[in-house]
Amino acid sequence: MNVSIDWLKSSWRAGSQMLRPVASPPKRPFAPIRTAMVPIRSLGPRHRPSVGRHLLQLDAADRYLRFGYAASDEQVMRYVQQLDFERDQVFGIYNRRLELIAKAHLAVASHPEHQSCAEFGVSVLKQARGKGLGARLFDRAIMHARTQGVSMVFIHALSENTAMLKIARNAGATVKRDGPESEAYLQLPPAGIDTHMAHLVEQQFAELDYQLKKQAKQFWDFLAGVQEVRQGVREGRHKAAE
């Protein structure tokens, strides 16, 4: 990859300032643009194992909020295997150890007459909460949805899932509660050239960030292996000297 970090940062600053409401904005204030960059990577079929590991780390309460029921390990893995990466879009945030700590799923309606509609779902591991990652993933998903011609995003959540509903309300979504369940929907303006450029810059930044983290992890794994060899040599010397 020959794109420099400086170029990406400068491009992002320029693009973020261009992101403003289009000529026909929604009645409610649209989702605010967060300027701090968070590397959010698009995931594909080869990422199924990391998606599975991420979801299996959710405890029973978190699975209940994410799926609407206390999903078992088997049910979680069935969901992972049924992910359609060609039709839908899955996003992830990795830490320095290349662990998937936050993941979002933008599921596009399969019926041809409703392909302008999509549903959003998100999960964040406990140790990564309080950093606004869920909201960042929502912003990223909305940006992608607009570039794909999606005009309506739905969020179906349990009414007790206050974090998810707060993200929806902050974006200007209409939230309707029906007993233990709530549904939010957000109408999206069409994407302009500024949205497409920002989308491209975010993709490049996330890919560069992942490659740098991958190289760093490989380097530290190599050093750890060297240390093990050195320790084995030292122990061998001590035994030989006895």
C-alpha atoms as a PDB file:
ATOM      1  CA  MET A   1       0.000   0.000   0.000  1.00  0.00           C
ATOM      2  CA  ASN A   2       1.519   3.300  -1.123  1.00  0.00           C
ATOM      3  CA  VAL A   3      -0.858   5.689   0.599  1.00  0.00           C
ATOM      4  CA  SER A   4       0.838   7.624   3.362  1.00  0.00           C
ATOM      5  CA  ILE A   5      -0.720   8.312   6.754  1.00  0.00           C
ATOM      6  CA  ASP A   6      -0.225  12.067   6.315  1.00  0.00           C
ATOM      7  CA  TRP A   7      -2.124  12.006   3.027  1.00  0.00           C
ATOM      8  CA  LEU A   8      -4.965  10.059   4.598  1.00  0.00           C
ATOM      9  CA  LYS A   9      -5.223  12.432   7.552  1.00  0.00           C
ATOM     10  CA  SER A  10      -5.200  15.539   5.381  1.00  0.00           C
ATOM     11  CA  SER A  11      -7.738  13.993   3.004  1.00  0.00           C
ATOM     12  CA  TRP A  12      -9.961  13.073   5.916  1.00  0.00           C
ATOM     13  CA  ARG A  13      -9.853  16.592   7.355  1.00  0.00           C
ATOM     14  CA  ALA A  14     -10.782  18.004   3.984  1.00  0.00           C
ATOM     15  CA  GLY A  15     -13.527  15.454   3.472  1.00  0.00           C
ATOM     16  CA  SER A  16     -14.994  15.816   6.977  1.00  0.00           C
ATOM     17  CA  GLN A  17     -15.417  19.561   6.495  1.00  0.00           C
ATOM     18  CA  MET A  18     -17.249  18.876   3.243  1.00  0.00           C
ATOM     19  CA  LEU A  19     -19.774  16.607   4.971  1.00  0.00           C
ATOM     20  CA  ARG A  20     -22.841  18.796   5.439  1.00  0.00           C
ATOM     21  CA  PRO A  21     -26.582  18.305   4.967  1.00  0.00           C
ATOM     22  CA  VAL A  22     -27.731  17.962   1.376  1.00  0.00           C
ATOM     23  CA  ALA A  23     -30.327  20.208  -0.221  1.00  0.00           C
ATOM     24  CA  SER A  24     -33.238  18.175   1.200  1.00  0.00           C
ATOM     25  CA  PRO A  25     -32.260  17.258   4.774  1.00  0.00           C
ATOM     26  CA  PRO A  26     -34.515  15.108   6.958  1.00  0.00           C
ATOM     27  CA  LYS A  27     -36.926  16.824   9.318  1.00  0.00           C
ATOM     28  CA  ARG A  28     -34.864  15.809  12.343  1.00  0.00           C
ATOM     29  CA  PRO A  29     -31.172  16.674  12.703  1.00  0.00           C
ATOM     30  CA  PHE A  30     -29.088  14.101  10.878  1.00  0.00           C
ATOM     31  CA  ALA A  31     -26.342  12.094  12.570  1.00  0.00           C
ATOM     32  CA  PRO A  32     -23.403  14.343  13.580  1.00  0.00           C
ATOM     33  CA  ILE A  33     -20.075  13.785  11.857  1.00  0.00           C
ATOM     34  CA  ARG A  34     -17.410  12.755  14.364  1.00  0.00           C
ATOM     35  CA  THR A  35     -14.048  14.102  13.296  1.00  0.00           C
ATOM     36  CA  ALA A  36     -11.746  11.811  15.307  1.00  0.00           C
ATOM     37  CA  MET A  37     -10.741   8.892  13.114  1.00  0.00           C
ATOM     38  CA  VAL A  38     -11.495   5.359  14.234  1.00  0.00           C
ATOM     39  CA  PRO A  39     -10.232   2.572  11.943  1.00  0.00           C
ATOM     40  CA  ILE A  40     -13.353   0.633  10.978  1.00  0.00           C
ATOM     41  CA  ARG A  41     -12.688  -2.230   8.578  1.00  0.00           C
ATOM     42  CA  SER A  42     -15.072  -3.876   6.131  1.00  0.00           C
ATOM     43  CA  LEU A  43     -15.223  -7.614   6.822  1.00  0.00           C
ATOM     44  CA  GLY A  44     -15.670 -10.460   4.368  1.00  0.00           C
ATOM     45  CA  PRO A  45     -16.136 -14.246   4.344  1.00  0.00           C
ATOM     46  CA  ARG A  46     -12.558 -14.888   5.513  1.00  0.00           C
ATOM     47  CA  HIS A  47     -13.366 -13.005   8.718  1.00  0.00           C
ATOM     48  CA  ARG A  48     -16.068 -15.457   9.848  1.00  0.00           C
ATOM     49  CA  PRO A  49     -13.750 -17.008  12.495  1.00  0.00           C
ATOM     50  CA  SER A  50     -12.984 -13.632  14.107  1.00  0.00           C
ATOM     51  CA  VAL A  51     -16.670 -12.661  13.989  1.00  0.00           C
ATOM     52  CA  GLY A  52     -17.528 -15.941  15.682  1.00  0.00           C
ATOM     53  CA  ARG A  53     -14.884 -15.470  18.387  1.00  0.00           C
ATOM     54  CA  HIS A  54     -16.153 -11.945  18.999  1.00  0.00           C
ATOM     55  CA  LEU A  55     -19.784 -12.963  19.435  1.00  0.00           C
ATOM     56  CA  LEU A  56     -18.955 -15.987  21.592  1.00  0.00           C
ATOM     57  CA  GLN A  57     -17.276 -13.633  24.072  1.00  0.00           C
ATOM     58  CA  LEU A  58     -20.625 -11.933  24.723  1.00  0.00           C
ATOM     59  CA  ASP A  59     -22.226 -13.180  27.933  1.00  0.00           C
ATOM     60  CA  ALA A  60     -25.853 -14.263  28.184  1.00  0.00           C
ATOM     61  CA  ALA A  61     -27.127 -10.751  28.981  1.00  0.00           C
ATOM     62  CA  ASP A  62     -25.254  -9.189  26.050  1.00  0.00           C
ATOM     63  CA  ARG A  63     -26.439 -11.891  23.657  1.00  0.00           C
ATOM     64  CA  TYR A  64     -29.976 -11.263  24.843  1.00  0.00           C
ATOM     65  CA  LEU A  65     -29.661  -7.562  23.986  1.00  0.00           C
ATOM     66  CA  ARG A  66     -27.929  -8.216  20.645  1.00  0.00           C
ATOM     67  CA  PHE A  67     -30.182 -10.969  19.297  1.00  0.00           C
ATOM     68  CA  GLY A  68     -33.370 -10.446  21.294  1.00  0.00           C
ATOM     69  CA  TYR A  69     -32.947 -13.788  23.042  1.00  0.00           C
ATOM     70  CA  ALA A  70     -30.253 -15.531  25.104  1.00  0.00           C
ATOM     71  CA  ALA A  71     -28.565 -17.169  22.113  1.00  0.00           C
ATOM     72  CA  SER A  72     -26.585 -20.338  22.751  1.00  0.00           C
ATOM     73  CA  ASP A  73     -23.131 -20.907  21.274  1.00  0.00           C
ATOM     74  CA  GLU A  74     -24.721 -23.078  18.584  1.00  0.00           C
ATOM     75  CA  GLN A  75     -27.235 -20.374  17.671  1.00  0.00           C
ATOM     76  CA  VAL A  76     -24.497 -17.734  17.560  1.00  0.00           C
ATOM     77  CA  MET A  77     -22.385 -19.814  15.189  1.00  0.00           C
ATOM     78  CA  ARG A  78     -25.422 -20.537  13.012  1.00  0.00           C
ATOM     79  CA  TYR A  79     -25.895 -16.777  12.666  1.00  0.00           C
ATOM     80  CA  VAL A  80     -22.206 -16.380  11.752  1.00  0.00           C
ATOM     81  CA  GLN A  81     -22.381 -19.100   9.095  1.00  0.00           C
ATOM     82  CA  GLN A  82     -25.480 -17.523   7.554  1.00  0.00           C
ATOM     83  CA  LEU A  83     -23.943 -14.059   7.166  1.00  0.00           C
ATOM     84  CA  ASP A  84     -24.291 -12.937   3.552  1.00  0.00           C
ATOM     85  CA  PHE A  85     -21.215 -10.797   2.893  1.00  0.00           C
ATOM     86  CA  GLU A  86     -22.233 -10.151  -0.719  1.00  0.00           C
ATOM     87  CA  ARG A  87     -25.641  -8.690   0.042  1.00  0.00           C
ATOM     88  CA  ASP A  88     -24.963  -7.212   3.490  1.00  0.00           C
ATOM     89  CA  GLN A  89     -22.097  -5.215   4.955  1.00  0.00           C
ATOM     90  CA  VAL A  90     -20.226  -6.170   8.122  1.00  0.00           C
ATOM     91  CA  PHE A  91     -17.851  -3.748   9.849  1.00  0.00           C
ATOM     92  CA  GLY A  92     -15.316  -4.354  12.601  1.00  0.00           C
ATOM     93  CA  ILE A  93     -12.885  -2.566  14.902  1.00  0.00           C
ATOM     94  CA  TYR A  94      -9.699  -4.403  15.899  1.00  0.00           C
ATOM     95  CA  ASN A  95      -7.385  -3.715  18.813  1.00  0.00           C
ATOM     96  CA  ARG A  96      -3.588  -3.939  18.664  1.00  0.00           C
ATOM     97  CA  ARG A  97      -3.709  -7.695  19.259  1.00  0.00           C
ATOM     98  CA  LEU A  98      -5.939  -8.014  16.178  1.00  0.00           C
ATOM     99  CA  GLU A  99      -8.908  -9.008  18.336  1.00  0.00           C
ATOM    100  CA  LEU A 100     -12.303  -7.974  17.006  1.00  0.00           C
ATOM    101  CA  ILE A 101     -13.634  -5.808  19.848  1.00  0.00           C
ATOM    102  CA  ALA A 102     -16.636  -4.252  18.078  1.00  0.00           C
ATOM    103  CA  LYS A 103     -18.723  -5.397  15.135  1.00  0.00           C
ATOM    104  CA  ALA A 104     -21.706  -4.068  13.200  1.00  0.00           C
ATOM    105  CA  HIS A 105     -24.024  -5.735  10.694  1.00  0.00           C
ATOM    106  CA  LEU A 106     -25.936  -3.739   8.090  1.00  0.00           C
ATOM    107  CA  ALA A 107     -28.440  -6.234   6.670  1.00  0.00           C
ATOM    108  CA  VAL A 108     -30.025  -5.166   3.384  1.00  0.00           C
ATOM    109  CA  ALA A 109     -33.565  -6.335   2.681  1.00  0.00           C
ATOM    110  CA  SER A 110     -33.484  -9.385   0.407  1.00  0.00           C
ATOM    111  CA  HIS A 111     -36.766  -8.634  -1.367  1.00  0.00           C
ATOM    112  CA  PRO A 112     -36.137  -6.686  -4.619  1.00  0.00           C
ATOM    113  CA  GLU A 113     -38.894  -4.186  -3.804  1.00  0.00           C
ATOM    114  CA  HIS A 114     -37.319  -3.278  -0.462  1.00  0.00           C
ATOM    115  CA  GLN A 115     -33.605  -3.135  -1.286  1.00  0.00           C
ATOM    116  CA  SER A 116     -33.547   0.528  -0.316  1.00  0.00           C
ATOM    117  CA  CYS A 117     -34.086  -0.570   3.304  1.00  0.00           C
ATOM    118  CA  ALA A 118     -31.566  -2.061   5.731  1.00  0.00           C
ATOM    119  CA  GLU A 119     -31.386  -3.117   9.382  1.00  0.00           C
ATOM    120  CA  PHE A 120     -28.512  -2.222  11.720  1.00  0.00           C
ATOM    121  CA  GLY A 121     -27.167  -4.312  14.613  1.00  0.00           C
ATOM    122  CA  VAL A 122     -24.039  -3.850  16.738  1.00  0.00           C
ATOM    123  CA  SER A 123     -22.057  -5.551  19.494  1.00  0.00           C
ATOM    124  CA  VAL A 124     -19.131  -4.271  21.573  1.00  0.00           C
ATOM    125  CA  LEU A 125     -17.091  -6.321  24.027  1.00  0.00           C
ATOM    126  CA  LYS A 126     -17.262  -5.185  27.661  1.00  0.00           C
ATOM    127  CA  GLN A 127     -13.611  -4.133  27.835  1.00  0.00           C
ATOM    128  CA  ALA A 128     -14.076  -1.806  24.861  1.00  0.00           C
ATOM    129  CA  ARG A 129     -17.209  -0.001  26.002  1.00  0.00           C
ATOM    130  CA  GLY A 130     -17.460   3.618  27.023  1.00  0.00           C
ATOM    131  CA  LYS A 131     -15.459   4.771  23.992  1.00  0.00           C
ATOM    132  CA  GLY A 132     -18.339   5.443  21.641  1.00  0.00           C
ATOM    133  CA  LEU A 133     -17.440   2.569  19.315  1.00  0.00           C
ATOM    134  CA  GLY A 134     -21.069   1.618  18.784  1.00  0.00           C
ATOM    135  CA  ALA A 135     -21.880   5.134  17.617  1.00  0.00           C
ATOM    136  CA  ARG A 136     -18.816   5.147  15.355  1.00  0.00           C
ATOM    137  CA  LEU A 137     -19.918   1.901  13.746  1.00  0.00           C
ATOM    138  CA  PHE A 138     -23.389   3.332  13.259  1.00  0.00           C
ATOM    139  CA  ASP A 139     -21.963   6.410  11.509  1.00  0.00           C
ATOM    140  CA  ARG A 140     -19.839   4.173   9.281  1.00  0.00           C
ATOM    141  CA  ALA A 141     -22.795   1.967   8.412  1.00  0.00           C
ATOM    142  CA  ILE A 142     -24.960   4.988   7.590  1.00  0.00           C
ATOM    143  CA  MET A 143     -22.251   6.392   5.321  1.00  0.00           C
ATOM    144  CA  HIS A 144     -21.981   3.072   3.493  1.00  0.00           C
ATOM    145  CA  ALA A 145     -25.769   2.752   3.251  1.00  0.00           C
ATOM    146  CA  ARG A 146     -26.064   6.152   1.592  1.00  0.00           C
ATOM    147  CA  THR A 147     -23.402   5.292  -1.005  1.00  0.00           C
ATOM    148  CA  GLN A 148     -25.364   2.118  -1.834  1.00  0.00           C
ATOM    149  CA  GLY A 149     -28.663   3.903  -2.363  1.00  0.00           C
ATOM    150  CA  VAL A 150     -30.251   2.823   0.935  1.00  0.00           C
ATOM    151  CA  SER A 151     -32.844   5.392   2.009  1.00  0.00           C
ATOM    152  CA  MET A 152     -34.173   3.868   5.224  1.00  0.00           C
ATOM    153  CA  VAL A 153     -32.352   2.159   8.103  1.00  0.00           C
ATOM    154  CA  PHE A 154     -34.203   0.232  10.808  1.00  0.00           C
ATOM    155  CA  ILE A 155     -33.065  -0.777  14.260  1.00  0.00           C
ATOM    156  CA  HIS A 156     -35.071  -3.447  16.059  1.00  0.00           C
ATOM    157  CA  ALA A 157     -34.031  -3.672  19.705  1.00  0.00           C
ATOM    158  CA  LEU A 158     -35.324  -4.587  23.117  1.00  0.00           C
ATOM    159  CA  SER A 159     -36.635  -1.538  24.947  1.00  0.00           C
ATOM    160  CA  GLU A 160     -34.102  -2.155  27.713  1.00  0.00           C
ATOM    161  CA  ASN A 161     -31.247  -1.814  25.213  1.00  0.00           C
ATOM    162  CA  THR A 162     -30.865   1.864  26.102  1.00  0.00           C
ATOM    163  CA  ALA A 163     -27.398   2.195  24.560  1.00  0.00           C
ATOM    164  CA  MET A 164     -28.606   1.151  21.108  1.00  0.00           C
ATOM    165  CA  LEU A 165     -31.736   3.291  21.284  1.00  0.00           C
ATOM    166  CA  LYS A 166     -29.660   6.283  22.425  1.00  0.00           C
ATOM    167  CA  ILE A 167     -27.481   5.941  19.309  1.00  0.00           C
ATOM    168  CA  ALA A 168     -30.612   5.881  17.176  1.00  0.00           C
ATOM    169  CA  ARG A 169     -32.176   8.914  18.861  1.00  0.00           C
ATOM    170  CA  ASN A 170     -28.934  10.911  18.662  1.00  0.00           C
ATOM    171  CA  ALA A 171     -28.928  10.265  14.914  1.00  0.00           C
ATOM    172  CA  GLY A 172     -32.409  11.721  14.638  1.00  0.00           C
ATOM    173  CA  ALA A 173     -34.224   8.406  14.253  1.00  0.00           C
ATOM    174  CA  THR A 174     -37.886   7.989  15.099  1.00  0.00           C
ATOM    175  CA  VAL A 175     -38.241   5.433  17.906  1.00  0.00           C
ATOM    176  CA  LYS A 176     -41.473   3.565  18.583  1.00  0.00           C
ATOM    177  CA  ARG A 177     -41.892   1.376  21.639  1.00  0.00           C
ATOM    178  CA  ASP A 178     -44.190  -1.634  21.742  1.00  0.00           C
ATOM    179  CA  GLY A 179     -43.914  -3.156  25.196  1.00  0.00           C
ATOM    180  CA  PRO A 180     -40.599  -4.970  25.671  1.00  0.00           C
ATOM    181  CA  GLU A 181     -39.470  -4.177  22.114  1.00  0.00           C
ATOM    182  CA  SER A 182     -38.694  -0.956  20.274  1.00  0.00           C
ATOM    183  CA  GLU A 183     -38.143  -0.087  16.633  1.00  0.00           C
ATOM    184  CA  ALA A 184     -36.263   2.905  15.310  1.00  0.00           C
ATOM    185  CA  TYR A 185     -36.128   4.076  11.733  1.00  0.00           C
ATOM    186  CA  LEU A 186     -33.985   6.739  10.128  1.00  0.00           C
ATOM    187  CA  GLN A 187     -34.585   8.210   6.698  1.00  0.00           C
ATOM    188  CA  LEU A 188     -31.337   8.903   4.841  1.00  0.00           C
ATOM    189  CA  PRO A 189     -30.573  11.666   2.364  1.00  0.00           C
ATOM    190  CA  PRO A 190     -28.938  10.597  -0.912  1.00  0.00           C
ATOM    191  CA  ALA A 191     -25.143  10.496  -0.977  1.00  0.00           C
ATOM    192  CA  GLY A 192     -23.196  13.285  -2.654  1.00  0.00           C
ATOM    193  CA  ILE A 193     -19.615  13.283  -3.916  1.00  0.00           C
ATOM    194  CA  ASP A 194     -18.406  14.374  -0.470  1.00  0.00           C
ATOM    195  CA  THR A 195     -19.940  11.267   1.133  1.00  0.00           C
ATOM    196  CA  HIS A 196     -18.382   8.989  -1.479  1.00  0.00           C
ATOM    197  CA  MET A 197     -14.942  10.581  -0.920  1.00  0.00           C
ATOM    198  CA  ALA A 198     -15.192  10.309   2.860  1.00  0.00           C
ATOM    199  CA  HIS A 199     -16.267   6.680   2.467  1.00  0.00           C
ATOM    200  CA  LEU A 200     -13.206   5.940   0.329  1.00  0.00           C
ATOM    201  CA  VAL A 201     -10.814   7.680   2.740  1.00  0.00           C
ATOM    202  CA  GLU A 202     -12.221   5.741   5.714  1.00  0.00           C
ATOM    203  CA  GLN A 203     -11.765   2.451   3.857  1.00  0.00           C
ATOM    204  CA  GLN A 204      -8.137   3.276   3.029  1.00  0.00           C
ATOM    205  CA  PHE A 205      -7.365   4.461   6.548  1.00  0.00           C
ATOM    206  CA  ALA A 206      -8.880   1.330   8.129  1.00  0.00           C
ATOM    207  CA  GLU A 207      -6.935  -0.969   5.788  1.00  0.00           C
ATOM    208  CA  LEU A 208      -3.652   0.842   6.474  1.00  0.00           C
ATOM    209  CA  ASP A 209      -4.275   0.737  10.229  1.00  0.00           C
ATOM    210  CA  TYR A 210      -4.975  -3.002  10.105  1.00  0.00           C
ATOM    211  CA  GLN A 211      -1.822  -3.731   8.109  1.00  0.00           C
ATOM    212  CA  LEU A 212       0.297  -1.722  10.570  1.00  0.00           C
ATOM    213  CA  LYS A 213      -1.246  -3.577  13.518  1.00  0.00           C
ATOM    214  CA  LYS A 214      -0.645  -6.881  11.725  1.00  0.00           C
ATOM    215  CA  GLN A 215       3.022  -6.062  11.160  1.00  0.00           C
ATOM    216  CA  ALA A 216       3.445  -4.948  14.779  1.00  0.00           C
ATOM    217  CA  LYS A 217       1.848  -8.137  16.090  1.00  0.00           C
ATOM    218  CA  GLN A 218       4.064 -10.281  13.866  1.00  0.00           C
ATOM    219  CA  PHE A 219       7.124  -8.420  15.146  1.00  0.00           C
ATOM    220  CA  TRP A 220       6.191  -8.884  18.812  1.00  0.00           C
ATOM    221  CA  ASP A 221       5.293 -12.532  18.238  1.00  0.00           C
ATOM    222  CA  PHE A 222       8.726 -12.981  16.653  1.00  0.00           C
ATOM    223  CA  LEU A 223      10.425 -11.350  19.644  1.00  0.00           C
ATOM    224  CA  ALA A 224       8.439 -13.553  22.017  1.00  0.00           C
ATOM    225  CA  GLY A 225       9.648 -16.605  20.096  1.00  0.00           C
ATOM    226  CA  VAL A 226      13.251 -15.394  20.311  1.00  0.00           C
ATOM    227  CA  GLN A 227      12.905 -14.927  24.060  1.00  0.00           C
ATOM    228  CA  GLU A 228      11.638 -18.493  24.428  1.00  0.00           C
ATOM    229  CA  VAL A 229      14.627 -19.805  22.452  1.00  0.00           C
ATOM    230  CA  ARG A 230      17.023 -17.751  24.583  1.00  0.00           C
ATOM    231  CA  GLN A 231      15.422 -19.014  27.765  1.00  0.00           C
ATOM    232  CA  GLY A 232      15.751 -22.586  26.541  1.00  0.00           C
ATOM    233  CA  VAL A 233      19.436 -22.035  25.740  1.00  0.00           C
ATOM    234  CA  ARG A 234      20.085 -20.567  29.209  1.00  0.00           C
ATOM    235  CA  GLU A 235      18.346 -23.469  30.908  1.00  0.00           C
ATOM    236  CA  GLY A 236      20.372 -25.905  28.802  1.00  0.00           C
ATOM    237  CA  ARG A 237      23.620 -24.204  29.815  1.00  0.00           C
ATOM    238  CA  HIS A 238      22.747 -24.327  33.498  1.00  0.00           C
ATOM    239  CA  LYS A 239      21.940 -28.024  33.290  1.00  0.00           C
ATOM    240  CA  ALA A 240      25.189 -28.716  31.445  1.00  0.00           C
ATOM    241  CA  ALA A 241      27.168 -26.859  34.110  1.00  0.00           C
ATOM    242  CA  GLU A 242      25.699 -28.895  36.967  1.00  0.00           C
END
